[in-house]
Amino acid sequence: MALIGVVPPKALGAVVPIFFFGSGLFQVFVTVWAIFLGLSIVAVIFSTFSGFWLSLAALLMGLAHGWFGIPAASATSATSAEELFFIAWACLFIILVVPCCLWLP
């Protein structure tokens, strides 16, 4: 909701811990668990999603703290960095989905 403007942009600081701990780290644990159980496709899927959530947390923390050299005034709105991030991940997921759809009988 903070990324699309429903709540104030300053609320992004509250969103980052949820992404980081609630999604990214727990999916890394699930990935390791799936590897130990021999469930390779489950491990691949969860590792991809954990990469998304952890990189989103890093992007939001970097924008909030000025790690990337983007001014805080432009980081509070939809910046080109966020747009590029979501476009890149959308392309990756499309590239992963197409072979899976072709593989199904």
PDB file of N, CA and C in Angstrom:
ATOM      1  N   MET A   1       0.807  -1.186   0.000  1.00  0.00           N
ATOM      2  CA  MET A   1       0.000   0.000   0.000  1.00  0.00           C
ATOM      3  C   MET A   1       0.856   1.258   0.000  1.00  0.00           C
ATOM      4  N   ALA A   2       2.021   1.189   0.626  1.00  0.00           N
ATOM      5  CA  ALA A   2       2.895   2.364   0.636  1.00  0.00           C
ATOM      6  C   ALA A   2       3.496   2.619  -0.737  1.00  0.00           C
ATOM      7  N   LEU A   3       3.714   1.558  -1.505  1.00  0.00           N
ATOM      8  CA  LEU A   3       4.330   1.723  -2.820  1.00  0.00           C
ATOM      9  C   LEU A   3       3.382   2.324  -3.848  1.00  0.00           C
ATOM     10  N   ILE A   4       2.079   2.157  -3.659  1.00  0.00           N
ATOM     11  CA  ILE A   4       1.136   2.695  -4.636  1.00  0.00           C
ATOM     12  C   ILE A   4       0.468   3.972  -4.158  1.00  0.00           C
ATOM     13  N   GLY A   5       0.856   4.500  -2.999  1.00  0.00           N
ATOM     14  CA  GLY A   5       0.385   5.799  -2.559  1.00  0.00           C
ATOM     15  C   GLY A   5      -0.838   5.787  -1.669  1.00  0.00           C
ATOM     16  N   VAL A   6      -1.278   4.633  -1.172  1.00  0.00           N
ATOM     17  CA  VAL A   6      -2.444   4.584  -0.297  1.00  0.00           C
ATOM     18  C   VAL A   6      -2.101   5.145   1.079  1.00  0.00           C
ATOM     19  N   VAL A   7      -0.934   4.804   1.586  1.00  0.00           N
ATOM     20  CA  VAL A   7      -0.455   5.344   2.856  1.00  0.00           C
ATOM     21  C   VAL A   7       0.740   6.244   2.570  1.00  0.00           C
ATOM     22  N   PRO A   8       1.122   7.100   3.510  1.00  0.00           N
ATOM     23  CA  PRO A   8       2.239   8.026   3.255  1.00  0.00           C
ATOM     24  C   PRO A   8       3.538   7.288   2.942  1.00  0.00           C
ATOM     25  N   PRO A   9       4.404   7.910   2.119  1.00  0.00           N
ATOM     26  CA  PRO A   9       5.674   7.260   1.766  1.00  0.00           C
ATOM     27  C   PRO A   9       6.582   7.002   2.967  1.00  0.00           C
ATOM     28  N   LYS A  10       6.405   7.744   4.037  1.00  0.00           N
ATOM     29  CA  LYS A  10       7.235   7.507   5.220  1.00  0.00           C
ATOM     30  C   LYS A  10       6.917   6.161   5.870  1.00  0.00           C
ATOM     31  N   ALA A  11       5.801   5.545   5.485  1.00  0.00           N
ATOM     32  CA  ALA A  11       5.424   4.246   6.038  1.00  0.00           C
ATOM     33  C   ALA A  11       6.285   3.118   5.480  1.00  0.00           C
ATOM     34  N   LEU A  12       7.120   3.403   4.469  1.00  0.00           N
ATOM     35  CA  LEU A  12       7.987   2.361   3.918  1.00  0.00           C
ATOM     36  C   LEU A  12       8.939   1.809   4.972  1.00  0.00           C
ATOM     37  N   GLY A  13       9.305   2.616   5.939  1.00  0.00           N
ATOM     38  CA  GLY A  13      10.176   2.131   7.010  1.00  0.00           C
ATOM     39  C   GLY A  13       9.532   1.022   7.829  1.00  0.00           C
ATOM     40  N   ALA A  14       8.220   1.003   7.892  1.00  0.00           N
ATOM     41  CA  ALA A  14       7.514  -0.054   8.609  1.00  0.00           C
ATOM     42  C   ALA A  14       7.325  -1.289   7.741  1.00  0.00           C
ATOM     43  N   VAL A  15       7.363  -1.115   6.443  1.00  0.00           N
ATOM     44  CA  VAL A  15       7.133  -2.225   5.530  1.00  0.00           C
ATOM     45  C   VAL A  15       8.374  -3.111   5.407  1.00  0.00           C
ATOM     46  N   VAL A  16       9.545  -2.510   5.488  1.00  0.00           N
ATOM     47  CA  VAL A  16      10.794  -3.240   5.268  1.00  0.00           C
ATOM     48  C   VAL A  16      10.976  -4.416   6.222  1.00  0.00           C
ATOM     49  N   PRO A  17      10.781  -4.254   7.533  1.00  0.00           N
ATOM     50  CA  PRO A  17      10.946  -5.437   8.397  1.00  0.00           C
ATOM     51  C   PRO A  17       9.973  -6.560   8.068  1.00  0.00           C
ATOM     52  N   ILE A  18       8.779  -6.213   7.623  1.00  0.00           N
ATOM     53  CA  ILE A  18       7.806  -7.245   7.264  1.00  0.00           C
ATOM     54  C   ILE A  18       8.308  -8.035   6.059  1.00  0.00           C
ATOM     55  N   PHE A  19       8.794  -7.322   5.036  1.00  0.00           N
ATOM     56  CA  PHE A  19       9.341  -8.009   3.863  1.00  0.00           C
ATOM     57  C   PHE A  19      10.547  -8.851   4.240  1.00  0.00           C
ATOM     58  N   PHE A  20      11.447  -8.251   5.021  1.00  0.00           N
ATOM     59  CA  PHE A  20      12.717  -8.906   5.286  1.00  0.00           C
ATOM     60  C   PHE A  20      12.546 -10.150   6.142  1.00  0.00           C
ATOM     61  N   PHE A  21      11.900 -10.001   7.290  1.00  0.00           N
ATOM     62  CA  PHE A  21      11.793 -11.130   8.200  1.00  0.00           C
ATOM     63  C   PHE A  21      10.597 -12.020   7.900  1.00  0.00           C
ATOM     64  N   GLY A  22       9.477 -11.421   7.561  1.00  0.00           N
ATOM     65  CA  GLY A  22       8.263 -12.196   7.358  1.00  0.00           C
ATOM     66  C   GLY A  22       8.252 -12.997   6.074  1.00  0.00           C
ATOM     67  N   SER A  23       8.939 -12.518   5.078  1.00  0.00           N
ATOM     68  CA  SER A  23       8.881 -13.198   3.784  1.00  0.00           C
ATOM     69  C   SER A  23      10.231 -13.756   3.364  1.00  0.00           C
ATOM     70  N   GLY A  24      11.208 -12.901   3.243  1.00  0.00           N
ATOM     71  CA  GLY A  24      12.492 -13.305   2.684  1.00  0.00           C
ATOM     72  C   GLY A  24      13.242 -14.348   3.488  1.00  0.00           C
ATOM     73  N   LEU A  25      13.438 -14.081   4.766  1.00  0.00           N
ATOM     74  CA  LEU A  25      14.231 -15.011   5.576  1.00  0.00           C
ATOM     75  C   LEU A  25      13.522 -16.340   5.785  1.00  0.00           C
ATOM     76  N   PHE A  26      12.228 -16.304   6.010  1.00  0.00           N
ATOM     77  CA  PHE A  26      11.511 -17.556   6.218  1.00  0.00           C
ATOM     78  C   PHE A  26      11.484 -18.398   4.948  1.00  0.00           C
ATOM     79  N   GLN A  27      11.443 -17.760   3.795  1.00  0.00           N
ATOM     80  CA  GLN A  27      11.478 -18.534   2.561  1.00  0.00           C
ATOM     81  C   GLN A  27      12.860 -19.112   2.302  1.00  0.00           C
ATOM     82  N   VAL A  28      13.899 -18.468   2.796  1.00  0.00           N
ATOM     83  CA  VAL A  28      15.242 -19.068   2.720  1.00  0.00           C
ATOM     84  C   VAL A  28      15.278 -20.341   3.576  1.00  0.00           C
ATOM     85  N   PHE A  29      14.680 -20.282   4.766  1.00  0.00           N
ATOM     86  CA  PHE A  29      14.619 -21.474   5.617  1.00  0.00           C
ATOM     87  C   PHE A  29      13.837 -22.595   4.939  1.00  0.00           C
ATOM     88  N   VAL A  30      12.732 -22.251   4.292  1.00  0.00           N
ATOM     89  CA  VAL A  30      11.938 -23.252   3.585  1.00  0.00           C
ATOM     90  C   VAL A  30      12.730 -23.834   2.416  1.00  0.00           C
ATOM     91  N   THR A  31      13.515 -22.998   1.758  1.00  0.00           N
ATOM     92  CA  THR A  31      14.355 -23.477   0.656  1.00  0.00           C
ATOM     93  C   THR A  31      15.357 -24.514   1.148  1.00  0.00           C
ATOM     94  N   VAL A  32      16.025 -24.213   2.244  1.00  0.00           N
ATOM     95  CA  VAL A  32      17.007 -25.152   2.805  1.00  0.00           C
ATOM     96  C   VAL A  32      16.314 -26.439   3.247  1.00  0.00           C
ATOM     97  N   TRP A  33      15.146 -26.305   3.845  1.00  0.00           N
ATOM     98  CA  TRP A  33      14.396 -27.471   4.284  1.00  0.00           C
ATOM     99  C   TRP A  33      13.995 -28.333   3.085  1.00  0.00           C
ATOM    100  N   ALA A  34      13.542 -27.694   2.008  1.00  0.00           N
ATOM    101  CA  ALA A  34      13.163 -28.447   0.803  1.00  0.00           C
ATOM    102  C   ALA A  34      14.367 -29.147   0.188  1.00  0.00           C
ATOM    103  N   ILE A  35      15.534 -28.512   0.240  1.00  0.00           N
ATOM    104  CA  ILE A  35      16.749 -29.156  -0.273  1.00  0.00           C
ATOM    105  C   ILE A  35      17.056 -30.414   0.532  1.00  0.00           C
ATOM    106  N   PHE A  36      16.938 -30.319   1.860  1.00  0.00           N
ATOM    107  CA  PHE A  36      17.197 -31.489   2.699  1.00  0.00           C
ATOM    108  C   PHE A  36      16.195 -32.608   2.458  1.00  0.00           C
ATOM    109  N   LEU A  37      14.961 -32.250   2.094  1.00  0.00           N
ATOM    110  CA  LEU A  37      13.941 -33.259   1.809  1.00  0.00           C
ATOM    111  C   LEU A  37      14.020 -33.793   0.389  1.00  0.00           C
ATOM    112  N   GLY A  38      14.865 -33.185  -0.454  1.00  0.00           N
ATOM    113  CA  GLY A  38      15.009 -33.623  -1.832  1.00  0.00           C
ATOM    114  C   GLY A  38      13.944 -33.087  -2.774  1.00  0.00           C
ATOM    115  N   LEU A  39      13.270 -32.032  -2.378  1.00  0.00           N
ATOM    116  CA  LEU A  39      12.226 -31.425  -3.200  1.00  0.00           C
ATOM    117  C   LEU A  39      12.825 -30.266  -3.991  1.00  0.00           C
ATOM    118  N   SER A  40      13.421 -30.590  -5.113  1.00  0.00           N
ATOM    119  CA  SER A  40      14.194 -29.587  -5.845  1.00  0.00           C
ATOM    120  C   SER A  40      13.327 -28.480  -6.439  1.00  0.00           C
ATOM    121  N   ILE A  41      12.160 -28.792  -6.995  1.00  0.00           N
ATOM    122  CA  ILE A  41      11.343 -27.753  -7.612  1.00  0.00           C
ATOM    123  C   ILE A  41      10.784 -26.807  -6.551  1.00  0.00           C
ATOM    124  N   VAL A  42      10.449 -27.333  -5.386  1.00  0.00           N
ATOM    125  CA  VAL A  42       9.984 -26.492  -4.283  1.00  0.00           C
ATOM    126  C   VAL A  42      11.103 -25.567  -3.834  1.00  0.00           C
ATOM    127  N   ALA A  43      12.313 -26.093  -3.759  1.00  0.00           N
ATOM    128  CA  ALA A  43      13.462 -25.273  -3.364  1.00  0.00           C
ATOM    129  C   ALA A  43      13.714 -24.159  -4.370  1.00  0.00           C
ATOM    130  N   VAL A  44      13.588 -24.453  -5.650  1.00  0.00           N
ATOM    131  CA  VAL A  44      13.799 -23.437  -6.686  1.00  0.00           C
ATOM    132  C   VAL A  44      12.747 -22.342  -6.591  1.00  0.00           C
ATOM    133  N   ILE A  45      11.499 -22.723  -6.418  1.00  0.00           N
ATOM    134  CA  ILE A  45      10.423 -21.736  -6.350  1.00  0.00           C
ATOM    135  C   ILE A  45      10.586 -20.846  -5.123  1.00  0.00           C
ATOM    136  N   PHE A  46      10.833 -21.439  -3.984  1.00  0.00           N
ATOM    137  CA  PHE A  46      10.974 -20.635  -2.774  1.00  0.00           C
ATOM    138  C   PHE A  46      12.244 -19.791  -2.788  1.00  0.00           C
ATOM    139  N   SER A  47      13.307 -20.286  -3.396  1.00  0.00           N
ATOM    140  CA  SER A  47      14.519 -19.463  -3.465  1.00  0.00           C
ATOM    141  C   SER A  47      14.320 -18.262  -4.385  1.00  0.00           C
ATOM    142  N   THR A  48      13.543 -18.435  -5.451  1.00  0.00           N
ATOM    143  CA  THR A  48      13.245 -17.306  -6.338  1.00  0.00           C
ATOM    144  C   THR A  48      12.427 -16.245  -5.609  1.00  0.00           C
ATOM    145  N   PHE A  49      11.407 -16.665  -4.896  1.00  0.00           N
ATOM    146  CA  PHE A  49      10.589 -15.695  -4.175  1.00  0.00           C
ATOM    147  C   PHE A  49      11.341 -15.068  -3.004  1.00  0.00           C
ATOM    148  N   SER A  50      12.193 -15.831  -2.343  1.00  0.00           N
ATOM    149  CA  SER A  50      12.978 -15.226  -1.266  1.00  0.00           C
ATOM    150  C   SER A  50      13.964 -14.201  -1.824  1.00  0.00           C
ATOM    151  N   GLY A  51      14.508 -14.474  -3.006  1.00  0.00           N
ATOM    152  CA  GLY A  51      15.368 -13.483  -3.655  1.00  0.00           C
ATOM    153  C   GLY A  51      14.615 -12.204  -3.964  1.00  0.00           C
ATOM    154  N   PHE A  52      13.352 -12.340  -4.404  1.00  0.00           N
ATOM    155  CA  PHE A  52      12.541 -11.156  -4.680  1.00  0.00           C
ATOM    156  C   PHE A  52      12.309 -10.349  -3.408  1.00  0.00           C
ATOM    157  N   TRP A  53      11.852 -11.013  -2.339  1.00  0.00           N
ATOM    158  CA  TRP A  53      11.517 -10.270  -1.122  1.00  0.00           C
ATOM    159  C   TRP A  53      12.754  -9.678  -0.457  1.00  0.00           C
ATOM    160  N   LEU A  54      13.861 -10.411  -0.453  1.00  0.00           N
ATOM    161  CA  LEU A  54      15.076  -9.859   0.157  1.00  0.00           C
ATOM    162  C   LEU A  54      15.630  -8.693  -0.657  1.00  0.00           C
ATOM    163  N   SER A  55      15.562  -8.785  -1.985  1.00  0.00           N
ATOM    164  CA  SER A  55      16.049  -7.666  -2.792  1.00  0.00           C
ATOM    165  C   SER A  55      15.110  -6.472  -2.705  1.00  0.00           C
ATOM    166  N   LEU A  56      13.807  -6.705  -2.552  1.00  0.00           N
ATOM    167  CA  LEU A  56      12.884  -5.586  -2.341  1.00  0.00           C
ATOM    168  C   LEU A  56      13.161  -4.908  -1.008  1.00  0.00           C
ATOM    169  N   ALA A  57      13.427  -5.694   0.023  1.00  0.00           N
ATOM    170  CA  ALA A  57      13.775  -5.107   1.316  1.00  0.00           C
ATOM    171  C   ALA A  57      15.055  -4.289   1.211  1.00  0.00           C
ATOM    172  N   ALA A  58      16.052  -4.805   0.489  1.00  0.00           N
ATOM    173  CA  ALA A  58      17.303  -4.053   0.310  1.00  0.00           C
ATOM    174  C   ALA A  58      17.066  -2.769  -0.480  1.00  0.00           C
ATOM    175  N   LEU A  59      16.218  -2.833  -1.499  1.00  0.00           N
ATOM    176  CA  LEU A  59      15.914  -1.637  -2.280  1.00  0.00           C
ATOM    177  C   LEU A  59      15.217  -0.591  -1.424  1.00  0.00           C
ATOM    178  N   LEU A  60      14.192  -1.001  -0.670  1.00  0.00           N
ATOM    179  CA  LEU A  60      13.460  -0.037   0.147  1.00  0.00           C
ATOM    180  C   LEU A  60      14.320   0.533   1.263  1.00  0.00           C
ATOM    181  N   MET A  61      15.139  -0.300   1.887  1.00  0.00           N
ATOM    182  CA  MET A  61      16.034   0.212   2.928  1.00  0.00           C
ATOM    183  C   MET A  61      17.071   1.154   2.328  1.00  0.00           C
ATOM    184  N   GLY A  62      17.580   0.800   1.145  1.00  0.00           N
ATOM    185  CA  GLY A  62      18.559   1.668   0.493  1.00  0.00           C
ATOM    186  C   GLY A  62      17.977   2.999   0.082  1.00  0.00           C
ATOM    187  N   LEU A  63      16.745   3.000  -0.410  1.00  0.00           N
ATOM    188  CA  LEU A  63      16.099   4.256  -0.778  1.00  0.00           C
ATOM    189  C   LEU A  63      15.769   5.093   0.447  1.00  0.00           C
ATOM    190  N   ALA A  64      15.344   4.432   1.528  1.00  0.00           N
ATOM    191  CA  ALA A  64      14.994   5.175   2.744  1.00  0.00           C
ATOM    192  C   ALA A  64      16.209   5.782   3.421  1.00  0.00           C
ATOM    193  N   HIS A  65      17.366   5.131   3.299  1.00  0.00           N
ATOM    194  CA  HIS A  65      18.568   5.602   3.986  1.00  0.00           C
ATOM    195  C   HIS A  65      19.579   6.273   3.066  1.00  0.00           C
ATOM    196  N   GLY A  66      19.255   6.401   1.784  1.00  0.00           N
ATOM    197  CA  GLY A  66      20.137   7.090   0.857  1.00  0.00           C
ATOM    198  C   GLY A  66      21.382   6.314   0.482  1.00  0.00           C
ATOM    199  N   TRP A  67      21.326   4.993   0.492  1.00  0.00           N
ATOM    200  CA  TRP A  67      22.494   4.179   0.169  1.00  0.00           C
ATOM    201  C   TRP A  67      22.862   4.247  -1.305  1.00  0.00           C
ATOM    202  N   PHE A  68      21.893   4.546  -2.160  1.00  0.00           N
ATOM    203  CA  PHE A  68      22.135   4.518  -3.598  1.00  0.00           C
ATOM    204  C   PHE A  68      22.390   5.889  -4.193  1.00  0.00           C
ATOM    205  N   GLY A  69      22.433   6.912  -3.375  1.00  0.00           N
ATOM    206  CA  GLY A  69      22.688   8.258  -3.856  1.00  0.00           C
ATOM    207  C   GLY A  69      21.485   8.917  -4.500  1.00  0.00           C
ATOM    208  N   ILE A  70      20.300   8.380  -4.266  1.00  0.00           N
ATOM    209  CA  ILE A  70      19.076   8.987  -4.783  1.00  0.00           C
ATOM    210  C   ILE A  70      18.551   9.922  -3.708  1.00  0.00           C
ATOM    211  N   PRO A  71      18.281  11.184  -4.036  1.00  0.00           N
ATOM    212  CA  PRO A  71      17.796  12.124  -3.020  1.00  0.00           C
ATOM    213  C   PRO A  71      16.511  11.641  -2.361  1.00  0.00           C
ATOM    214  N   ALA A  72      16.351  11.972  -1.086  1.00  0.00           N
ATOM    215  CA  ALA A  72      15.189  11.506  -0.328  1.00  0.00           C
ATOM    216  C   ALA A  72      13.884  12.043  -0.902  1.00  0.00           C
ATOM    217  N   ALA A  73      13.914  13.230  -1.477  1.00  0.00           N
ATOM    218  CA  ALA A  73      12.692  13.807  -2.043  1.00  0.00           C
ATOM    219  C   ALA A  73      12.176  12.985  -3.219  1.00  0.00           C
ATOM    220  N   SER A  74      13.071  12.491  -4.036  1.00  0.00           N
ATOM    221  CA  SER A  74      12.624  11.686  -5.176  1.00  0.00           C
ATOM    222  C   SER A  74      12.428  10.224  -4.798  1.00  0.00           C
ATOM    223  N   ALA A  75      12.982   9.803  -3.679  1.00  0.00           N
ATOM    224  CA  ALA A  75      12.828   8.410  -3.249  1.00  0.00           C
ATOM    225  C   ALA A  75      11.477   8.163  -2.600  1.00  0.00           C
ATOM    226  N   THR A  76      10.773   9.225  -2.207  1.00  0.00           N
ATOM    227  CA  THR A  76       9.485   9.022  -1.544  1.00  0.00           C
ATOM    228  C   THR A  76       8.362   8.750  -2.526  1.00  0.00           C
ATOM    229  N   SER A  77       8.518   9.136  -3.776  1.00  0.00           N
ATOM    230  CA  SER A  77       7.500   8.830  -4.770  1.00  0.00           C
ATOM    231  C   SER A  77       7.947   7.613  -5.575  1.00  0.00           C
ATOM    232  N   ALA A  78       7.171   7.269  -6.561  1.00  0.00           N
ATOM    233  CA  ALA A  78       7.534   6.126  -7.411  1.00  0.00           C
ATOM    234  C   ALA A  78       8.745   6.516  -8.252  1.00  0.00           C
ATOM    235  N   THR A  79       9.889   6.051  -7.849  1.00  0.00           N
ATOM    236  CA  THR A  79      11.126   6.427  -8.540  1.00  0.00           C
ATOM    237  C   THR A  79      11.402   5.473  -9.684  1.00  0.00           C
ATOM    238  N   SER A  80      12.300   5.885 -10.518  1.00  0.00           N
ATOM    239  CA  SER A  80      12.688   5.005 -11.615  1.00  0.00           C
ATOM    240  C   SER A  80      13.403   3.765 -11.095  1.00  0.00           C
ATOM    241  N   ALA A  81      14.029   3.858  -9.921  1.00  0.00           N
ATOM    242  CA  ALA A  81      14.682   2.686  -9.338  1.00  0.00           C
ATOM    243  C   ALA A  81      13.650   1.613  -8.996  1.00  0.00           C
ATOM    244  N   GLU A  82      12.531   2.023  -8.410  1.00  0.00           N
ATOM    245  CA  GLU A  82      11.482   1.060  -8.093  1.00  0.00           C
ATOM    246  C   GLU A  82      10.849   0.501  -9.362  1.00  0.00           C
ATOM    247  N   GLU A  83      10.650   1.356 -10.341  1.00  0.00           N
ATOM    248  CA  GLU A  83      10.070   0.891 -11.604  1.00  0.00           C
ATOM    249  C   GLU A  83      10.989  -0.117 -12.281  1.00  0.00           C
ATOM    250  N   LEU A  84      12.278   0.170 -12.320  1.00  0.00           N
ATOM    251  CA  LEU A  84      13.230  -0.772 -12.912  1.00  0.00           C
ATOM    252  C   LEU A  84      13.274  -2.080 -12.140  1.00  0.00           C
ATOM    253  N   PHE A  85      13.191  -1.989 -10.837  1.00  0.00           N
ATOM    254  CA  PHE A  85      13.193  -3.186 -10.003  1.00  0.00           C
ATOM    255  C   PHE A  85      12.024  -4.096 -10.366  1.00  0.00           C
ATOM    256  N   PHE A  86      10.827  -3.529 -10.411  1.00  0.00           N
ATOM    257  CA  PHE A  86       9.646  -4.349 -10.686  1.00  0.00           C
ATOM    258  C   PHE A  86       9.620  -4.843 -12.125  1.00  0.00           C
ATOM    259  N   ILE A  87      10.103  -4.049 -13.065  1.00  0.00           N
ATOM    260  CA  ILE A  87      10.172  -4.501 -14.455  1.00  0.00           C
ATOM    261  C   ILE A  87      11.151  -5.668 -14.591  1.00  0.00           C
ATOM    262  N   ALA A  88      12.307  -5.552 -13.937  1.00  0.00           N
ATOM    263  CA  ALA A  88      13.308  -6.622 -14.010  1.00  0.00           C
ATOM    264  C   ALA A  88      12.769  -7.919 -13.412  1.00  0.00           C
ATOM    265  N   TRP A  89      12.099  -7.848 -12.257  1.00  0.00           N
ATOM    266  CA  TRP A  89      11.560  -9.051 -11.642  1.00  0.00           C
ATOM    267  C   TRP A  89      10.403  -9.611 -12.440  1.00  0.00           C
ATOM    268  N   ALA A  90       9.583  -8.741 -13.042  1.00  0.00           N
ATOM    269  CA  ALA A  90       8.485  -9.231 -13.887  1.00  0.00           C
ATOM    270  C   ALA A  90       9.037  -9.984 -15.091  1.00  0.00           C
ATOM    271  N   CYS A  91      10.098  -9.461 -15.687  1.00  0.00           N
ATOM    272  CA  CYS A  91      10.726 -10.155 -16.819  1.00  0.00           C
ATOM    273  C   CYS A  91      11.272 -11.511 -16.384  1.00  0.00           C
ATOM    274  N   LEU A  92      11.897 -11.561 -15.219  1.00  0.00           N
ATOM    275  CA  LEU A  92      12.429 -12.833 -14.723  1.00  0.00           C
ATOM    276  C   LEU A  92      11.318 -13.848 -14.506  1.00  0.00           C
ATOM    277  N   PHE A  93      10.226 -13.428 -13.885  1.00  0.00           N
ATOM    278  CA  PHE A  93       9.131 -14.364 -13.644  1.00  0.00           C
ATOM    279  C   PHE A  93       8.482 -14.807 -14.951  1.00  0.00           C
ATOM    280  N   ILE A  94       8.386 -13.919 -15.928  1.00  0.00           N
ATOM    281  CA  ILE A  94       7.834 -14.313 -17.230  1.00  0.00           C
ATOM    282  C   ILE A  94       8.750 -15.325 -17.899  1.00  0.00           C
ATOM    283  N   ILE A  95      10.059 -15.084 -17.815  1.00  0.00           N
ATOM    284  CA  ILE A  95      11.026 -16.014 -18.400  1.00  0.00           C
ATOM    285  C   ILE A  95      10.951 -17.378 -17.714  1.00  0.00           C
ATOM    286  N   LEU A  96      10.661 -17.401 -16.427  1.00  0.00           N
ATOM    287  CA  LEU A  96      10.535 -18.670 -15.710  1.00  0.00           C
ATOM    288  C   LEU A  96       9.198 -19.360 -15.964  1.00  0.00           C
ATOM    289  N   VAL A  97       8.140 -18.596 -16.191  1.00  0.00           N
ATOM    290  CA  VAL A  97       6.815 -19.184 -16.371  1.00  0.00           C
ATOM    291  C   VAL A  97       6.654 -19.794 -17.763  1.00  0.00           C
ATOM    292  N   VAL A  98       7.202 -19.163 -18.781  1.00  0.00           N
ATOM    293  CA  VAL A  98       7.013 -19.641 -20.156  1.00  0.00           C
ATOM    294  C   VAL A  98       7.522 -21.070 -20.335  1.00  0.00           C
ATOM    295  N   PRO A  99       8.749 -21.404 -19.915  1.00  0.00           N
ATOM    296  CA  PRO A  99       9.178 -22.811 -20.067  1.00  0.00           C
ATOM    297  C   PRO A  99       8.335 -23.782 -19.250  1.00  0.00           C
ATOM    298  N   CYS A 100       7.871 -23.346 -18.088  1.00  0.00           N
ATOM    299  CA  CYS A 100       7.024 -24.228 -17.272  1.00  0.00           C
ATOM    300  C   CYS A 100       5.709 -24.512 -17.977  1.00  0.00           C
ATOM    301  N   CYS A 101       5.131 -23.512 -18.629  1.00  0.00           N
ATOM    302  CA  CYS A 101       3.868 -23.713 -19.366  1.00  0.00           C
ATOM    303  C   CYS A 101       4.098 -24.596 -20.585  1.00  0.00           C
ATOM    304  N   LEU A 102       5.232 -24.463 -21.234  1.00  0.00           N
ATOM    305  CA  LEU A 102       5.518 -25.295 -22.390  1.00  0.00           C
ATOM    306  C   LEU A 102       5.843 -26.722 -22.004  1.00  0.00           C
ATOM    307  N   TRP A 103       6.344 -26.909 -20.781  1.00  0.00           N
ATOM    308  CA  TRP A 103       6.730 -28.233 -20.312  1.00  0.00           C
ATOM    309  C   TRP A 103       5.524 -29.084 -19.951  1.00  0.00           C
ATOM    310  N   LEU A 104       4.425 -28.419 -19.512  1.00  0.00           N
ATOM    311  CA  LEU A 104       3.232 -29.165 -19.116  1.00  0.00           C
ATOM    312  C   LEU A 104       2.600 -29.824 -20.319  1.00  0.00           C
ATOM    313  N   PRO A 105       2.095 -31.031 -20.165  1.00  0.00           N
ATOM    314  CA  PRO A 105       1.461 -31.721 -21.313  1.00  0.00           C
ATOM    315  C   PRO A 105       0.125 -31.123 -21.680  1.00  0.00           C
TER     316      PRO A 105
END
